[in-house]
Amino acid sequence: EVPDGRKESPGGPWQFVGLMPLFDPPRHDSAETIRRALNLGVNVKMIT
């Protein structure tokens, strides 16, 4: 919970980096895209 008028939570600031939606079925190039992102050092999280 963040108090009104504050931009940071008590645990420290959040940093939104991006969101990449995938819909069922995944695109044919999803595995390659994720592999390339991982190779570039991106911390990929998949929400199902």
PDB file of N, CA and C in Angstrom:
ATOM      1  N   GLU A   1       0.846  -1.174   0.000  1.00  0.00           N
ATOM      2  CA  GLU A   1       0.000   0.000   0.000  1.00  0.00           C
ATOM      3  C   GLU A   1       0.889   1.233   0.000  1.00  0.00           C
ATOM      4  N   VAL A   2       0.546   2.198  -0.845  1.00  0.00           N
ATOM      5  CA  VAL A   2       1.307   3.435  -0.951  1.00  0.00           C
ATOM      6  C   VAL A   2       0.422   4.577  -0.459  1.00  0.00           C
ATOM      7  N   PRO A   3       0.856   5.332   0.549  1.00  0.00           N
ATOM      8  CA  PRO A   3       0.056   6.454   1.049  1.00  0.00           C
ATOM      9  C   PRO A   3      -0.186   7.495  -0.041  1.00  0.00           C
ATOM     10  N   ASP A   4      -1.311   8.214   0.062  1.00  0.00           N
ATOM     11  CA  ASP A   4      -1.630   9.277  -0.904  1.00  0.00           C
ATOM     12  C   ASP A   4      -0.503  10.286  -0.986  1.00  0.00           C
ATOM     13  N   GLY A   5      -0.213  10.727  -2.199  1.00  0.00           N
ATOM     14  CA  GLY A   5       0.811  11.739  -2.403  1.00  0.00           C
ATOM     15  C   GLY A   5       2.227  11.197  -2.436  1.00  0.00           C
ATOM     16  N   ARG A   6       2.399   9.895  -2.301  1.00  0.00           N
ATOM     17  CA  ARG A   6       3.734   9.289  -2.319  1.00  0.00           C
ATOM     18  C   ARG A   6       3.903   8.478  -3.591  1.00  0.00           C
ATOM     19  N   LYS A   7       5.105   8.462  -4.110  1.00  0.00           N
ATOM     20  CA  LYS A   7       5.388   7.688  -5.314  1.00  0.00           C
ATOM     21  C   LYS A   7       6.137   6.402  -5.010  1.00  0.00           C
ATOM     22  N   GLU A   8       6.579   6.230  -3.782  1.00  0.00           N
ATOM     23  CA  GLU A   8       7.357   5.053  -3.416  1.00  0.00           C
ATOM     24  C   GLU A   8       6.676   4.291  -2.288  1.00  0.00           C
ATOM     25  N   SER A   9       6.834   2.993  -2.293  1.00  0.00           N
ATOM     26  CA  SER A   9       6.324   2.165  -1.212  1.00  0.00           C
ATOM     27  C   SER A   9       7.377   2.108  -0.110  1.00  0.00           C
ATOM     28  N   PRO A  10       6.995   1.695   1.101  1.00  0.00           N
ATOM     29  CA  PRO A  10       7.974   1.614   2.184  1.00  0.00           C
ATOM     30  C   PRO A  10       9.142   0.678   1.860  1.00  0.00           C
ATOM     31  N   GLY A  11       8.952  -0.309   0.989  1.00  0.00           N
ATOM     32  CA  GLY A  11       9.999  -1.257   0.653  1.00  0.00           C
ATOM     33  C   GLY A  11      10.948  -0.758  -0.413  1.00  0.00           C
ATOM     34  N   GLY A  12      10.747   0.420  -0.928  1.00  0.00           N
ATOM     35  CA  GLY A  12      11.610   0.951  -1.977  1.00  0.00           C
ATOM     36  C   GLY A  12      10.834   1.170  -3.264  1.00  0.00           C
ATOM     37  N   PRO A  13      11.453   1.825  -4.205  1.00  0.00           N
ATOM     38  CA  PRO A  13      10.748   2.148  -5.450  1.00  0.00           C
ATOM     39  C   PRO A  13      10.563   0.921  -6.338  1.00  0.00           C
ATOM     40  N   TRP A  14       9.490   0.937  -7.104  1.00  0.00           N
ATOM     41  CA  TRP A  14       9.230  -0.100  -8.093  1.00  0.00           C
ATOM     42  C   TRP A  14       9.724   0.411  -9.431  1.00  0.00           C
ATOM     43  N   GLN A  15      10.143  -0.487 -10.274  1.00  0.00           N
ATOM     44  CA  GLN A  15      10.592  -0.099 -11.608  1.00  0.00           C
ATOM     45  C   GLN A  15       9.871  -0.968 -12.630  1.00  0.00           C
ATOM     46  N   PHE A  16       8.922  -0.359 -13.372  1.00  0.00           N
ATOM     47  CA  PHE A  16       8.215  -1.086 -14.416  1.00  0.00           C
ATOM     48  C   PHE A  16       9.063  -1.046 -15.668  1.00  0.00           C
ATOM     49  N   VAL A  17       9.397  -2.205 -16.182  1.00  0.00           N
ATOM     50  CA  VAL A  17      10.279  -2.285 -17.339  1.00  0.00           C
ATOM     51  C   VAL A  17       9.489  -2.526 -18.608  1.00  0.00           C
ATOM     52  N   GLY A  18       8.489  -3.372 -18.558  1.00  0.00           N
ATOM     53  CA  GLY A  18       7.704  -3.631 -19.758  1.00  0.00           C
ATOM     54  C   GLY A  18       6.764  -4.799 -19.575  1.00  0.00           C
ATOM     55  N   LEU A  19       5.887  -4.958 -20.547  1.00  0.00           N
ATOM     56  CA  LEU A  19       4.908  -6.025 -20.534  1.00  0.00           C
ATOM     57  C   LEU A  19       4.756  -6.537 -21.955  1.00  0.00           C
ATOM     58  N   MET A  20       4.875  -7.837 -22.118  1.00  0.00           N
ATOM     59  CA  MET A  20       4.738  -8.436 -23.441  1.00  0.00           C
ATOM     60  C   MET A  20       3.625  -9.469 -23.380  1.00  0.00           C
ATOM     61  N   PRO A  21       2.433  -9.127 -23.875  1.00  0.00           N
ATOM     62  CA  PRO A  21       1.326 -10.082 -23.796  1.00  0.00           C
ATOM     63  C   PRO A  21       1.462 -11.190 -24.833  1.00  0.00           C
ATOM     64  N   LEU A  22       1.142 -12.395 -24.430  1.00  0.00           N
ATOM     65  CA  LEU A  22       1.066 -13.544 -25.330  1.00  0.00           C
ATOM     66  C   LEU A  22      -0.318 -14.155 -25.159  1.00  0.00           C
ATOM     67  N   PHE A  23      -0.989 -14.412 -26.246  1.00  0.00           N
ATOM     68  CA  PHE A  23      -2.320 -14.998 -26.199  1.00  0.00           C
ATOM     69  C   PHE A  23      -2.255 -16.434 -26.693  1.00  0.00           C
ATOM     70  N   ASP A  24      -3.162 -17.285 -26.218  1.00  0.00           N
ATOM     71  CA  ASP A  24      -3.200 -18.679 -26.669  1.00  0.00           C
ATOM     72  C   ASP A  24      -3.682 -18.734 -28.105  1.00  0.00           C
ATOM     73  N   PRO A  25      -3.091 -19.485 -28.936  1.00  0.00           N
ATOM     74  CA  PRO A  25      -1.825 -20.167 -28.746  1.00  0.00           C
ATOM     75  C   PRO A  25      -0.665 -19.190 -28.907  1.00  0.00           C
ATOM     76  N   PRO A  26       0.476 -19.484 -28.302  1.00  0.00           N
ATOM     77  CA  PRO A  26       1.640 -18.601 -28.464  1.00  0.00           C
ATOM     78  C   PRO A  26       2.051 -18.507 -29.931  1.00  0.00           C
ATOM     79  N   ARG A  27       2.630 -17.394 -30.283  1.00  0.00           N
ATOM     80  CA  ARG A  27       3.114 -17.205 -31.654  1.00  0.00           C
ATOM     81  C   ARG A  27       4.212 -18.206 -31.964  1.00  0.00           C
ATOM     82  N   HIS A  28       4.397 -18.484 -33.223  1.00  0.00           N
ATOM     83  CA  HIS A  28       5.406 -19.451 -33.646  1.00  0.00           C
ATOM     84  C   HIS A  28       6.820 -19.028 -33.247  1.00  0.00           C
ATOM     85  N   ASP A  29       7.035 -17.718 -33.069  1.00  0.00           N
ATOM     86  CA  ASP A  29       8.375 -17.230 -32.744  1.00  0.00           C
ATOM     87  C   ASP A  29       8.555 -16.888 -31.264  1.00  0.00           C
ATOM     88  N   SER A  30       7.598 -17.270 -30.411  1.00  0.00           N
ATOM     89  CA  SER A  30       7.679 -16.925 -28.983  1.00  0.00           C
ATOM     90  C   SER A  30       8.918 -17.507 -28.316  1.00  0.00           C
ATOM     91  N   ALA A  31       9.209 -18.769 -28.582  1.00  0.00           N
ATOM     92  CA  ALA A  31      10.377 -19.402 -27.952  1.00  0.00           C
ATOM     93  C   ALA A  31      11.656 -18.685 -28.353  1.00  0.00           C
ATOM     94  N   GLU A  32      11.781 -18.333 -29.621  1.00  0.00           N
ATOM     95  CA  GLU A  32      12.976 -17.624 -30.101  1.00  0.00           C
ATOM     96  C   GLU A  32      13.064 -16.227 -29.484  1.00  0.00           C
ATOM     97  N   THR A  33      11.935 -15.539 -29.383  1.00  0.00           N
ATOM     98  CA  THR A  33      11.919 -14.198 -28.789  1.00  0.00           C
ATOM     99  C   THR A  33      12.361 -14.252 -27.332  1.00  0.00           C
ATOM    100  N   ILE A  34      11.859 -15.222 -26.584  1.00  0.00           N
ATOM    101  CA  ILE A  34      12.238 -15.364 -25.178  1.00  0.00           C
ATOM    102  C   ILE A  34      13.712 -15.738 -25.064  1.00  0.00           C
ATOM    103  N   ARG A  35      14.181 -16.640 -25.914  1.00  0.00           N
ATOM    104  CA  ARG A  35      15.590 -17.036 -25.897  1.00  0.00           C
ATOM    105  C   ARG A  35      16.491 -15.834 -26.150  1.00  0.00           C
ATOM    106  N   ARG A  36      16.131 -15.004 -27.125  1.00  0.00           N
ATOM    107  CA  ARG A  36      16.939 -13.820 -27.436  1.00  0.00           C
ATOM    108  C   ARG A  36      16.931 -12.832 -26.276  1.00  0.00           C
ATOM    109  N   ALA A  37      15.765 -12.649 -25.651  1.00  0.00           N
ATOM    110  CA  ALA A  37      15.682 -11.744 -24.501  1.00  0.00           C
ATOM    111  C   ALA A  37      16.565 -12.244 -23.363  1.00  0.00           C
ATOM    112  N   LEU A  38      16.521 -13.541 -23.086  1.00  0.00           N
ATOM    113  CA  LEU A  38      17.363 -14.114 -22.035  1.00  0.00           C
ATOM    114  C   LEU A  38      18.839 -13.931 -22.349  1.00  0.00           C
ATOM    115  N   ASN A  39      19.222 -14.130 -23.599  1.00  0.00           N
ATOM    116  CA  ASN A  39      20.621 -13.952 -24.002  1.00  0.00           C
ATOM    117  C   ASN A  39      21.084 -12.505 -23.857  1.00  0.00           C
ATOM    118  N   LEU A  40      20.144 -11.568 -23.914  1.00  0.00           N
ATOM    119  CA  LEU A  40      20.470 -10.151 -23.738  1.00  0.00           C
ATOM    120  C   LEU A  40      20.470  -9.740 -22.267  1.00  0.00           C
ATOM    121  N   GLY A  41      20.181 -10.688 -21.372  1.00  0.00           N
ATOM    122  CA  GLY A  41      20.198 -10.392 -19.945  1.00  0.00           C
ATOM    123  C   GLY A  41      18.867  -9.937 -19.384  1.00  0.00           C
ATOM    124  N   VAL A  42      17.798 -10.062 -20.163  1.00  0.00           N
ATOM    125  CA  VAL A  42      16.468  -9.673 -19.685  1.00  0.00           C
ATOM    126  C   VAL A  42      15.962 -10.743 -18.726  1.00  0.00           C
ATOM    127  N   ASN A  43      15.418 -10.321 -17.597  1.00  0.00           N
ATOM    128  CA  ASN A  43      14.840 -11.231 -16.618  1.00  0.00           C
ATOM    129  C   ASN A  43      13.386 -11.467 -17.009  1.00  0.00           C
ATOM    130  N   VAL A  44      13.113 -12.548 -17.727  1.00  0.00           N
ATOM    131  CA  VAL A  44      11.788 -12.831 -18.276  1.00  0.00           C
ATOM    132  C   VAL A  44      10.921 -13.514 -17.227  1.00  0.00           C
ATOM    133  N   LYS A  45       9.695 -13.029 -17.060  1.00  0.00           N
ATOM    134  CA  LYS A  45       8.700 -13.648 -16.184  1.00  0.00           C
ATOM    135  C   LYS A  45       7.484 -13.957 -17.032  1.00  0.00           C
ATOM    136  N   MET A  46       7.001 -15.185 -16.950  1.00  0.00           N
ATOM    137  CA  MET A  46       5.813 -15.580 -17.698  1.00  0.00           C
ATOM    138  C   MET A  46       4.671 -15.802 -16.722  1.00  0.00           C
ATOM    139  N   ILE A  47       3.549 -15.164 -16.983  1.00  0.00           N
ATOM    140  CA  ILE A  47       2.356 -15.290 -16.145  1.00  0.00           C
ATOM    141  C   ILE A  47       1.322 -16.059 -16.945  1.00  0.00           C
ATOM    142  N   THR A  48       0.868 -17.177 -16.388  1.00  0.00           N
ATOM    143  CA  THR A  48      -0.118 -17.990 -17.100  1.00  0.00           C
ATOM    144  C   THR A  48      -1.420 -18.033 -16.352  1.00  0.00           C
TER     145      THR A  48
END
